[in-house]
Amino acid sequence: MAEEGGKKQLLHLVFGGELKSLKSTEFRDLDGLDIVGIFPDYASALAAWKSKAQASVDNAHMRYYVVHLHRLLDPENGAKAGQN
């Protein structure tokens, strides 16, 4: 599926929350996860991730992640080299 302008849509999810431990990726409160949003490309997802990560820098247990949804939706083509 292509966006306007002929660019292929590569969906990315940005979310975060407070971790139970700095040594794991297990969240303290799943109901309290911050779903930042779904973005049409890696660049816009990265910008959102940076903003949230910088805003939470005072809390060492807070982590934000970028999930490559396009790889989950199309696993055969989504993981090819060169795609973010």
PDB file of N, CA and C in Angstrom:
ATOM      1  N   MET A   1       0.848  -1.180   0.000  1.00  0.00           N
ATOM      2  CA  MET A   1       0.000   0.000   0.000  1.00  0.00           C
ATOM      3  C   MET A   1       0.889   1.237   0.000  1.00  0.00           C
ATOM      4  N   ALA A   2       0.689   2.123  -0.924  1.00  0.00           N
ATOM      5  CA  ALA A   2       1.501   3.328  -1.032  1.00  0.00           C
ATOM      6  C   ALA A   2       0.738   4.536  -0.507  1.00  0.00           C
ATOM      7  N   GLU A   3       1.474   5.449   0.104  1.00  0.00           N
ATOM      8  CA  GLU A   3       0.899   6.713   0.541  1.00  0.00           C
ATOM      9  C   GLU A   3       0.835   7.646  -0.655  1.00  0.00           C
ATOM     10  N   GLU A   4       0.249   8.812  -0.430  1.00  0.00           N
ATOM     11  CA  GLU A   4       0.268   9.829  -1.476  1.00  0.00           C
ATOM     12  C   GLU A   4       1.722  10.167  -1.763  1.00  0.00           C
ATOM     13  N   GLY A   5       2.056  10.355  -3.023  1.00  0.00           N
ATOM     14  CA  GLY A   5       3.430  10.641  -3.396  1.00  0.00           C
ATOM     15  C   GLY A   5       4.185   9.386  -3.779  1.00  0.00           C
ATOM     16  N   GLY A   6       3.524   8.215  -3.739  1.00  0.00           N
ATOM     17  CA  GLY A   6       4.141   6.973  -4.159  1.00  0.00           C
ATOM     18  C   GLY A   6       5.046   6.315  -3.139  1.00  0.00           C
ATOM     19  N   LYS A   7       5.179   6.872  -1.954  1.00  0.00           N
ATOM     20  CA  LYS A   7       6.039   6.315  -0.917  1.00  0.00           C
ATOM     21  C   LYS A   7       5.299   5.178  -0.201  1.00  0.00           C
ATOM     22  N   LYS A   8       5.971   4.031  -0.023  1.00  0.00           N
ATOM     23  CA  LYS A   8       5.346   2.892   0.632  1.00  0.00           C
ATOM     24  C   LYS A   8       5.150   3.168   2.123  1.00  0.00           C
ATOM     25  N   GLN A   9       3.989   2.803   2.625  1.00  0.00           N
ATOM     26  CA  GLN A   9       3.657   3.000   4.035  1.00  0.00           C
ATOM     27  C   GLN A   9       4.312   1.892   4.862  1.00  0.00           C
ATOM     28  N   LEU A  10       5.162   2.280   5.800  1.00  0.00           N
ATOM     29  CA  LEU A  10       5.824   1.337   6.697  1.00  0.00           C
ATOM     30  C   LEU A  10       5.457   1.722   8.133  1.00  0.00           C
ATOM     31  N   LEU A  11       4.383   1.145   8.637  1.00  0.00           N
ATOM     32  CA  LEU A  11       3.836   1.539   9.939  1.00  0.00           C
ATOM     33  C   LEU A  11       4.769   1.199  11.096  1.00  0.00           C
ATOM     34  N   HIS A  12       4.845   2.135  12.048  1.00  0.00           N
ATOM     35  CA  HIS A  12       5.644   1.967  13.265  1.00  0.00           C
ATOM     36  C   HIS A  12       4.819   2.420  14.464  1.00  0.00           C
ATOM     37  N   LEU A  13       4.894   1.660  15.540  1.00  0.00           N
ATOM     38  CA  LEU A  13       4.223   1.981  16.798  1.00  0.00           C
ATOM     39  C   LEU A  13       5.253   2.494  17.792  1.00  0.00           C
ATOM     40  N   VAL A  14       4.925   3.564  18.493  1.00  0.00           N
ATOM     41  CA  VAL A  14       5.779   4.089  19.561  1.00  0.00           C
ATOM     42  C   VAL A  14       4.986   4.000  20.862  1.00  0.00           C
ATOM     43  N   PHE A  15       5.581   3.338  21.846  1.00  0.00           N
ATOM     44  CA  PHE A  15       4.936   3.207  23.156  1.00  0.00           C
ATOM     45  C   PHE A  15       6.000   3.130  24.230  1.00  0.00           C
ATOM     46  N   GLY A  16       5.571   3.302  25.477  1.00  0.00           N
ATOM     47  CA  GLY A  16       6.520   3.217  26.581  1.00  0.00           C
ATOM     48  C   GLY A  16       5.814   3.069  27.906  1.00  0.00           C
ATOM     49  N   GLY A  17       6.636   2.909  28.917  1.00  0.00           N
ATOM     50  CA  GLY A  17       6.123   2.775  30.267  1.00  0.00           C
ATOM     51  C   GLY A  17       7.254   2.568  31.244  1.00  0.00           C
ATOM     52  N   GLU A  18       6.885   2.450  32.492  1.00  0.00           N
ATOM     53  CA  GLU A  18       7.868   2.269  33.547  1.00  0.00           C
ATOM     54  C   GLU A  18       8.182   0.792  33.722  1.00  0.00           C
ATOM     55  N   LEU A  19       9.475   0.463  33.708  1.00  0.00           N
ATOM     56  CA  LEU A  19       9.912  -0.920  33.852  1.00  0.00           C
ATOM     57  C   LEU A  19       9.985  -1.329  35.320  1.00  0.00           C
ATOM     58  N   LYS A  20       9.775  -2.621  35.578  1.00  0.00           N
ATOM     59  CA  LYS A  20       9.918  -3.145  36.939  1.00  0.00           C
ATOM     60  C   LYS A  20      11.370  -3.096  37.387  1.00  0.00           C
ATOM     61  N   SER A  21      12.273  -3.362  36.447  1.00  0.00           N
ATOM     62  CA  SER A  21      13.698  -3.419  36.748  1.00  0.00           C
ATOM     63  C   SER A  21      14.474  -2.891  35.553  1.00  0.00           C
ATOM     64  N   LEU A  22      15.630  -2.308  35.805  1.00  0.00           N
ATOM     65  CA  LEU A  22      16.464  -1.822  34.715  1.00  0.00           C
ATOM     66  C   LEU A  22      17.062  -2.968  33.904  1.00  0.00           C
ATOM     67  N   LYS A  23      16.993  -4.176  34.434  1.00  0.00           N
ATOM     68  CA  LYS A  23      17.571  -5.344  33.762  1.00  0.00           C
ATOM     69  C   LYS A  23      16.551  -6.144  32.960  1.00  0.00           C
ATOM     70  N   SER A  24      15.331  -5.630  32.818  1.00  0.00           N
ATOM     71  CA  SER A  24      14.309  -6.374  32.083  1.00  0.00           C
ATOM     72  C   SER A  24      13.475  -5.420  31.229  1.00  0.00           C
ATOM     73  N   THR A  25      12.597  -5.995  30.450  1.00  0.00           N
ATOM     74  CA  THR A  25      11.650  -5.191  29.679  1.00  0.00           C
ATOM     75  C   THR A  25      10.228  -5.457  30.152  1.00  0.00           C
ATOM     76  N   GLU A  26      10.092  -5.857  31.398  1.00  0.00           N
ATOM     77  CA  GLU A  26       8.769  -6.096  31.983  1.00  0.00           C
ATOM     78  C   GLU A  26       8.267  -4.791  32.598  1.00  0.00           C
ATOM     79  N   PHE A  27       7.034  -4.410  32.231  1.00  0.00           N
ATOM     80  CA  PHE A  27       6.473  -3.146  32.693  1.00  0.00           C
ATOM     81  C   PHE A  27       5.795  -3.293  34.048  1.00  0.00           C
ATOM     82  N   ARG A  28       5.860  -2.226  34.856  1.00  0.00           N
ATOM     83  CA  ARG A  28       5.210  -2.213  36.169  1.00  0.00           C
ATOM     84  C   ARG A  28       3.699  -2.251  36.055  1.00  0.00           C
ATOM     85  N   ASP A  29       3.148  -1.487  35.129  1.00  0.00           N
ATOM     86  CA  ASP A  29       1.695  -1.315  35.030  1.00  0.00           C
ATOM     87  C   ASP A  29       1.274  -1.319  33.561  1.00  0.00           C
ATOM     88  N   LEU A  30       0.765  -2.446  33.094  1.00  0.00           N
ATOM     89  CA  LEU A  30       0.353  -2.539  31.694  1.00  0.00           C
ATOM     90  C   LEU A  30      -0.786  -1.579  31.359  1.00  0.00           C
ATOM     91  N   ASP A  31      -1.659  -1.335  32.327  1.00  0.00           N
ATOM     92  CA  ASP A  31      -2.761  -0.392  32.096  1.00  0.00           C
ATOM     93  C   ASP A  31      -2.258   1.040  31.952  1.00  0.00           C
ATOM     94  N   GLY A  32      -1.076   1.301  32.467  1.00  0.00           N
ATOM     95  CA  GLY A  32      -0.511   2.645  32.422  1.00  0.00           C
ATOM     96  C   GLY A  32       0.445   2.884  31.269  1.00  0.00           C
ATOM     97  N   LEU A  33       0.530   1.947  30.314  1.00  0.00           N
ATOM     98  CA  LEU A  33       1.426   2.138  29.172  1.00  0.00           C
ATOM     99  C   LEU A  33       1.029   3.391  28.391  1.00  0.00           C
ATOM    100  N   ASP A  34       2.016   4.109  27.943  1.00  0.00           N
ATOM    101  CA  ASP A  34       1.806   5.313  27.140  1.00  0.00           C
ATOM    102  C   ASP A  34       1.898   4.916  25.669  1.00  0.00           C
ATOM    103  N   ILE A  35       0.743   4.836  25.003  1.00  0.00           N
ATOM    104  CA  ILE A  35       0.701   4.551  23.576  1.00  0.00           C
ATOM    105  C   ILE A  35       0.820   5.897  22.862  1.00  0.00           C
ATOM    106  N   VAL A  36       2.010   6.184  22.377  1.00  0.00           N
ATOM    107  CA  VAL A  36       2.269   7.483  21.750  1.00  0.00           C
ATOM    108  C   VAL A  36       1.534   7.585  20.420  1.00  0.00           C
ATOM    109  N   GLY A  37       1.603   6.516  19.624  1.00  0.00           N
ATOM    110  CA  GLY A  37       0.882   6.534  18.359  1.00  0.00           C
ATOM    111  C   GLY A  37       1.460   5.594  17.327  1.00  0.00           C
ATOM    112  N   ILE A  38       0.789   5.548  16.187  1.00  0.00           N
ATOM    113  CA  ILE A  38       1.233   4.767  15.039  1.00  0.00           C
ATOM    114  C   ILE A  38       1.620   5.756  13.956  1.00  0.00           C
ATOM    115  N   PHE A  39       2.789   5.554  13.368  1.00  0.00           N
ATOM    116  CA  PHE A  39       3.359   6.502  12.427  1.00  0.00           C
ATOM    117  C   PHE A  39       3.599   5.843  11.068  1.00  0.00           C
ATOM    118  N   PRO A  40       3.524   6.618   9.987  1.00  0.00           N
ATOM    119  CA  PRO A  40       3.601   6.048   8.634  1.00  0.00           C
ATOM    120  C   PRO A  40       5.009   5.698   8.173  1.00  0.00           C
ATOM    121  N   ASP A  41       6.027   6.131   8.925  1.00  0.00           N
ATOM    122  CA  ASP A  41       7.403   5.834   8.525  1.00  0.00           C
ATOM    123  C   ASP A  41       8.311   5.889   9.751  1.00  0.00           C
ATOM    124  N   TYR A  42       9.516   5.359   9.588  1.00  0.00           N
ATOM    125  CA  TYR A  42      10.457   5.283  10.706  1.00  0.00           C
ATOM    126  C   TYR A  42      10.893   6.673  11.181  1.00  0.00           C
ATOM    127  N   ALA A  43      11.096   7.597  10.265  1.00  0.00           N
ATOM    128  CA  ALA A  43      11.579   8.929  10.639  1.00  0.00           C
ATOM    129  C   ALA A  43      10.613   9.638  11.582  1.00  0.00           C
ATOM    130  N   SER A  44       9.329   9.581  11.290  1.00  0.00           N
ATOM    131  CA  SER A  44       8.364  10.244  12.176  1.00  0.00           C
ATOM    132  C   SER A  44       8.213   9.499  13.494  1.00  0.00           C
ATOM    133  N   ALA A  45       8.323   8.170  13.466  1.00  0.00           N
ATOM    134  CA  ALA A  45       8.285   7.390  14.708  1.00  0.00           C
ATOM    135  C   ALA A  45       9.499   7.710  15.575  1.00  0.00           C
ATOM    136  N   LEU A  46      10.651   7.827  14.955  1.00  0.00           N
ATOM    137  CA  LEU A  46      11.876   8.141  15.694  1.00  0.00           C
ATOM    138  C   LEU A  46      11.785   9.522  16.343  1.00  0.00           C
ATOM    139  N   ALA A  47      11.216  10.484  15.640  1.00  0.00           N
ATOM    140  CA  ALA A  47      11.049  11.826  16.208  1.00  0.00           C
ATOM    141  C   ALA A  47      10.138  11.794  17.434  1.00  0.00           C
ATOM    142  N   ALA A  48       9.049  11.024  17.353  1.00  0.00           N
ATOM    143  CA  ALA A  48       8.133  10.896  18.493  1.00  0.00           C
ATOM    144  C   ALA A  48       8.817  10.181  19.650  1.00  0.00           C
ATOM    145  N   TRP A  49       9.571   9.130  19.332  1.00  0.00           N
ATOM    146  CA  TRP A  49      10.305   8.376  20.365  1.00  0.00           C
ATOM    147  C   TRP A  49      11.296   9.298  21.084  1.00  0.00           C
ATOM    148  N   LYS A  50      12.067  10.069  20.316  1.00  0.00           N
ATOM    149  CA  LYS A  50      13.063  10.972  20.912  1.00  0.00           C
ATOM    150  C   LYS A  50      12.408  11.971  21.852  1.00  0.00           C
ATOM    151  N   SER A  51      11.298  12.527  21.422  1.00  0.00           N
ATOM    152  CA  SER A  51      10.592  13.514  22.226  1.00  0.00           C
ATOM    153  C   SER A  51      10.153  12.917  23.562  1.00  0.00           C
ATOM    154  N   LYS A  52       9.543  11.737  23.514  1.00  0.00           N
ATOM    155  CA  LYS A  52       9.066  11.087  24.742  1.00  0.00           C
ATOM    156  C   LYS A  52      10.233  10.635  25.614  1.00  0.00           C
ATOM    157  N   ALA A  53      11.273  10.093  25.000  1.00  0.00           N
ATOM    158  CA  ALA A  53      12.439   9.623  25.766  1.00  0.00           C
ATOM    159  C   ALA A  53      13.121  10.791  26.475  1.00  0.00           C
ATOM    160  N   GLN A  54      13.269  11.908  25.795  1.00  0.00           N
ATOM    161  CA  GLN A  54      13.902  13.079  26.409  1.00  0.00           C
ATOM    162  C   GLN A  54      13.039  13.672  27.513  1.00  0.00           C
ATOM    163  N   ALA A  55      11.719  13.621  27.349  1.00  0.00           N
ATOM    164  CA  ALA A  55      10.817  14.175  28.366  1.00  0.00           C
ATOM    165  C   ALA A  55      10.802  13.337  29.635  1.00  0.00           C
ATOM    166  N   SER A  56      11.198  12.062  29.528  1.00  0.00           N
ATOM    167  CA  SER A  56      11.166  11.169  30.696  1.00  0.00           C
ATOM    168  C   SER A  56      12.564  10.848  31.224  1.00  0.00           C
ATOM    169  N   VAL A  57      13.545  11.637  30.856  1.00  0.00           N
ATOM    170  CA  VAL A  57      14.941  11.347  31.193  1.00  0.00           C
ATOM    171  C   VAL A  57      15.178  11.310  32.717  1.00  0.00           C
ATOM    172  N   ASP A  58      14.367  11.979  33.495  1.00  0.00           N
ATOM    173  CA  ASP A  58      14.553  12.005  34.950  1.00  0.00           C
ATOM    174  C   ASP A  58      14.114  10.707  35.625  1.00  0.00           C
ATOM    175  N   ASN A  59      13.376   9.858  34.922  1.00  0.00           N
ATOM    176  CA  ASN A  59      12.920   8.584  35.483  1.00  0.00           C
ATOM    177  C   ASN A  59      13.694   7.461  34.814  1.00  0.00           C
ATOM    178  N   ALA A  60      14.671   6.896  35.521  1.00  0.00           N
ATOM    179  CA  ALA A  60      15.540   5.860  34.948  1.00  0.00           C
ATOM    180  C   ALA A  60      14.776   4.605  34.538  1.00  0.00           C
ATOM    181  N   HIS A  61      13.617   4.364  35.123  1.00  0.00           N
ATOM    182  CA  HIS A  61      12.844   3.162  34.805  1.00  0.00           C
ATOM    183  C   HIS A  61      11.898   3.338  33.616  1.00  0.00           C
ATOM    184  N   MET A  62      11.771   4.556  33.120  1.00  0.00           N
ATOM    185  CA  MET A  62      10.865   4.825  31.998  1.00  0.00           C
ATOM    186  C   MET A  62      11.573   4.517  30.685  1.00  0.00           C
ATOM    187  N   ARG A  63      10.920   3.730  29.831  1.00  0.00           N
ATOM    188  CA  ARG A  63      11.490   3.377  28.532  1.00  0.00           C
ATOM    189  C   ARG A  63      10.436   3.497  27.436  1.00  0.00           C
ATOM    190  N   TYR A  64      10.865   3.962  26.295  1.00  0.00           N
ATOM    191  CA  TYR A  64      10.023   4.039  25.112  1.00  0.00           C
ATOM    192  C   TYR A  64      10.638   3.184  24.019  1.00  0.00           C
ATOM    193  N   TYR A  65       9.774   2.608  23.183  1.00  0.00           N
ATOM    194  CA  TYR A  65      10.200   1.686  22.135  1.00  0.00           C
ATOM    195  C   TYR A  65       9.532   2.030  20.816  1.00  0.00           C
ATOM    196  N   VAL A  66      10.218   1.679  19.728  1.00  0.00           N
ATOM    197  CA  VAL A  66       9.657   1.764  18.381  1.00  0.00           C
ATOM    198  C   VAL A  66       9.481   0.332  17.896  1.00  0.00           C
ATOM    199  N   VAL A  67       8.250  -0.017  17.529  1.00  0.00           N
ATOM    200  CA  VAL A  67       7.937  -1.357  17.018  1.00  0.00           C
ATOM    201  C   VAL A  67       7.665  -1.237  15.522  1.00  0.00           C
ATOM    202  N   HIS A  68       8.326  -2.066  14.751  1.00  0.00           N
ATOM    203  CA  HIS A  68       8.173  -2.067  13.291  1.00  0.00           C
ATOM    204  C   HIS A  68       6.935  -2.889  12.924  1.00  0.00           C
ATOM    205  N   LEU A  69       5.771  -2.245  12.957  1.00  0.00           N
ATOM    206  CA  LEU A  69       4.521  -2.960  12.672  1.00  0.00           C
ATOM    207  C   LEU A  69       4.496  -3.540  11.264  1.00  0.00           C
ATOM    208  N   HIS A  70       5.109  -2.865  10.320  1.00  0.00           N
ATOM    209  CA  HIS A  70       5.097  -3.354   8.943  1.00  0.00           C
ATOM    210  C   HIS A  70       5.771  -4.717   8.830  1.00  0.00           C
ATOM    211  N   ARG A  71       6.719  -5.000   9.710  1.00  0.00           N
ATOM    212  CA  ARG A  71       7.381  -6.312   9.703  1.00  0.00           C
ATOM    213  C   ARG A  71       6.451  -7.401  10.237  1.00  0.00           C
ATOM    214  N   LEU A  72       5.588  -7.039  11.159  1.00  0.00           N
ATOM    215  CA  LEU A  72       4.619  -7.993  11.694  1.00  0.00           C
ATOM    216  C   LEU A  72       3.490  -8.248  10.701  1.00  0.00           C
ATOM    217  N   LEU A  73       3.117  -7.202   9.970  1.00  0.00           N
ATOM    218  CA  LEU A  73       2.017  -7.311   9.021  1.00  0.00           C
ATOM    219  C   LEU A  73       2.427  -8.035   7.739  1.00  0.00           C
ATOM    220  N   ASP A  74       3.691  -7.930   7.383  1.00  0.00           N
ATOM    221  CA  ASP A  74       4.200  -8.560   6.160  1.00  0.00           C
ATOM    222  C   ASP A  74       5.582  -9.128   6.448  1.00  0.00           C
ATOM    223  N   PRO A  75       5.667 -10.225   7.207  1.00  0.00           N
ATOM    224  CA  PRO A  75       6.959 -10.739   7.650  1.00  0.00           C
ATOM    225  C   PRO A  75       7.887 -11.173   6.515  1.00  0.00           C
ATOM    226  N   GLU A  76       7.346 -11.596   5.391  1.00  0.00           N
ATOM    227  CA  GLU A  76       8.208 -12.032   4.285  1.00  0.00           C
ATOM    228  C   GLU A  76       8.955 -10.868   3.658  1.00  0.00           C
ATOM    229  N   ASN A  77       8.329  -9.715   3.560  1.00  0.00           N
ATOM    230  CA  ASN A  77       8.947  -8.563   2.917  1.00  0.00           C
ATOM    231  C   ASN A  77       9.440  -7.494   3.888  1.00  0.00           C
ATOM    232  N   GLY A  78       8.914  -7.491   5.095  1.00  0.00           N
ATOM    233  CA  GLY A  78       9.225  -6.428   6.053  1.00  0.00           C
ATOM    234  C   GLY A  78      10.614  -6.468   6.632  1.00  0.00           C
ATOM    235  N   ALA A  79      11.258  -7.612   6.645  1.00  0.00           N
ATOM    236  CA  ALA A  79      12.554  -7.733   7.284  1.00  0.00           C
ATOM    237  C   ALA A  79      13.709  -7.690   6.274  1.00  0.00           C
ATOM    238  N   LYS A  80      13.434  -7.346   5.035  1.00  0.00           N
ATOM    239  CA  LYS A  80      14.504  -7.280   4.042  1.00  0.00           C
ATOM    240  C   LYS A  80      15.468  -6.167   4.378  1.00  0.00           C
ATOM    241  N   ALA A  81      16.704  -6.338   3.982  1.00  0.00           N
ATOM    242  CA  ALA A  81      17.761  -5.356   4.264  1.00  0.00           C
ATOM    243  C   ALA A  81      17.392  -3.999   3.687  1.00  0.00           C
ATOM    244  N   GLY A  82      17.760  -2.968   4.418  1.00  0.00           N
ATOM    245  CA  GLY A  82      17.543  -1.614   3.941  1.00  0.00           C
ATOM    246  C   GLY A  82      16.233  -0.994   4.373  1.00  0.00           C
ATOM    247  N   GLN A  83      15.329  -1.781   4.974  1.00  0.00           N
ATOM    248  CA  GLN A  83      14.068  -1.228   5.438  1.00  0.00           C
ATOM    249  C   GLN A  83      14.137  -1.010   6.929  1.00  0.00           C
ATOM    250  N   ASN A  84      13.634   0.133   7.368  1.00  0.00           N
ATOM    251  CA  ASN A  84      13.630   0.429   8.806  1.00  0.00           C
ATOM    252  C   ASN A  84      12.391  -0.115   9.392  1.00  0.00           C
TER     253      ASN A  84
END
